[in-house]
């Protein structure tokens, strides 16, 4: 699913994010959404979220369960 649309992301969802310091390498971090930080309904680089591990980044993939 598309991580650029806020409506697609729910608290508790399993997602892959790219953190700010991993943007060049594109390294993804997997985790569960604790908070959605982006207020706008969409964002071209992905909706910014905080994972339950306190890591912050932009959603690249939403993992279907």
C-alpha atoms as a PDB file:
ATOM      1  CA  UNK A   1       0.000   0.000   0.000  1.00  0.00           C
ATOM      2  CA  UNK A   2       0.936   3.617  -0.482  1.00  0.00           C
ATOM      3  CA  UNK A   3       2.811   5.252   2.399  1.00  0.00           C
ATOM      4  CA  UNK A   4       2.225   8.707   0.879  1.00  0.00           C
ATOM      5  CA  UNK A   5      -1.449   8.787   1.941  1.00  0.00           C
ATOM      6  CA  UNK A   6      -2.215   9.475   5.615  1.00  0.00           C
ATOM      7  CA  UNK A   7      -5.551   7.602   5.358  1.00  0.00           C
ATOM      8  CA  UNK A   8      -3.693   4.329   4.599  1.00  0.00           C
ATOM      9  CA  UNK A   9      -1.704   4.433   7.863  1.00  0.00           C
ATOM     10  CA  UNK A  10      -3.215   3.411  11.187  1.00  0.00           C
ATOM     11  CA  UNK A  11      -1.708   3.414  14.685  1.00  0.00           C
ATOM     12  CA  UNK A  12      -0.520  -0.137  15.362  1.00  0.00           C
ATOM     13  CA  UNK A  13       0.101  -0.919  11.676  1.00  0.00           C
ATOM     14  CA  UNK A  14       3.298  -2.768  10.688  1.00  0.00           C
ATOM     15  CA  UNK A  15       5.314  -0.523   8.350  1.00  0.00           C
ATOM     16  CA  UNK A  16       8.789   0.007   6.901  1.00  0.00           C
ATOM     17  CA  UNK A  17      10.230   3.498   7.319  1.00  0.00           C
ATOM     18  CA  UNK A  18      13.369   5.258   6.152  1.00  0.00           C
ATOM     19  CA  UNK A  19      14.978   7.366   8.875  1.00  0.00           C
ATOM     20  CA  UNK A  20      16.528  10.758   8.060  1.00  0.00           C
ATOM     21  CA  UNK A  21      20.117   9.497   8.398  1.00  0.00           C
ATOM     22  CA  UNK A  22      19.360   6.481   6.155  1.00  0.00           C
ATOM     23  CA  UNK A  23      17.834   8.446   3.258  1.00  0.00           C
ATOM     24  CA  UNK A  24      20.966   8.174   1.092  1.00  0.00           C
ATOM     25  CA  UNK A  25      21.381   4.421   1.615  1.00  0.00           C
ATOM     26  CA  UNK A  26      17.633   3.762   1.583  1.00  0.00           C
ATOM     27  CA  UNK A  27      17.954   1.396   4.569  1.00  0.00           C
ATOM     28  CA  UNK A  28      14.499   0.512   5.875  1.00  0.00           C
ATOM     29  CA  UNK A  29      13.464   0.007   9.498  1.00  0.00           C
ATOM     30  CA  UNK A  30      10.452  -2.180  10.299  1.00  0.00           C
ATOM     31  CA  UNK A  31       8.141  -1.532  13.210  1.00  0.00           C
ATOM     32  CA  UNK A  32       4.688  -0.714  14.503  1.00  0.00           C
ATOM     33  CA  UNK A  33       3.265   2.822  14.233  1.00  0.00           C
ATOM     34  CA  UNK A  34       2.896   4.523  17.614  1.00  0.00           C
ATOM     35  CA  UNK A  35       2.076   8.052  16.364  1.00  0.00           C
ATOM     36  CA  UNK A  36       1.393   9.676  12.995  1.00  0.00           C
ATOM     37  CA  UNK A  37       3.386  12.928  12.879  1.00  0.00           C
ATOM     38  CA  UNK A  38       2.396  14.347   9.452  1.00  0.00           C
ATOM     39  CA  UNK A  39      -0.781  16.431   9.650  1.00  0.00           C
ATOM     40  CA  UNK A  40      -1.481  16.793   5.909  1.00  0.00           C
ATOM     41  CA  UNK A  41      -3.521  14.092   4.095  1.00  0.00           C
ATOM     42  CA  UNK A  42      -0.572  13.193   1.849  1.00  0.00           C
ATOM     43  CA  UNK A  43       3.160  13.815   1.429  1.00  0.00           C
ATOM     44  CA  UNK A  44       5.306  13.074  -1.652  1.00  0.00           C
ATOM     45  CA  UNK A  45       8.148  11.482   0.376  1.00  0.00           C
ATOM     46  CA  UNK A  46       5.923   9.482   2.733  1.00  0.00           C
ATOM     47  CA  UNK A  47       3.968  10.185   5.891  1.00  0.00           C
ATOM     48  CA  UNK A  48       6.226  10.783   8.907  1.00  0.00           C
ATOM     49  CA  UNK A  49       5.534   8.447  11.826  1.00  0.00           C
ATOM     50  CA  UNK A  50       7.016   7.439  15.171  1.00  0.00           C
ATOM     51  CA  UNK A  51       7.430   3.711  15.751  1.00  0.00           C
ATOM     52  CA  UNK A  52       6.857   2.036  19.119  1.00  0.00           C
ATOM     53  CA  UNK A  53      10.682   1.947  19.415  1.00  0.00           C
ATOM     54  CA  UNK A  54      10.686   5.806  19.295  1.00  0.00           C
ATOM     55  CA  UNK A  55      12.351   5.797  15.843  1.00  0.00           C
ATOM     56  CA  UNK A  56      11.020   8.481  13.480  1.00  0.00           C
ATOM     57  CA  UNK A  57      10.915   8.282   9.705  1.00  0.00           C
ATOM     58  CA  UNK A  58       8.825   8.376   6.562  1.00  0.00           C
ATOM     59  CA  UNK A  59       6.673   5.377   5.611  1.00  0.00           C
ATOM     60  CA  UNK A  60       7.910   3.570   2.491  1.00  0.00           C
ATOM     61  CA  UNK A  61       5.867   0.350   2.764  1.00  0.00           C
ATOM     62  CA  UNK A  62       2.794  -0.743   4.665  1.00  0.00           C
ATOM     63  CA  UNK A  63       3.077  -4.462   5.411  1.00  0.00           C
ATOM     64  CA  UNK A  64      -0.206  -6.308   4.941  1.00  0.00           C
ATOM     65  CA  UNK A  65      -1.012  -8.788   7.679  1.00  0.00           C
END
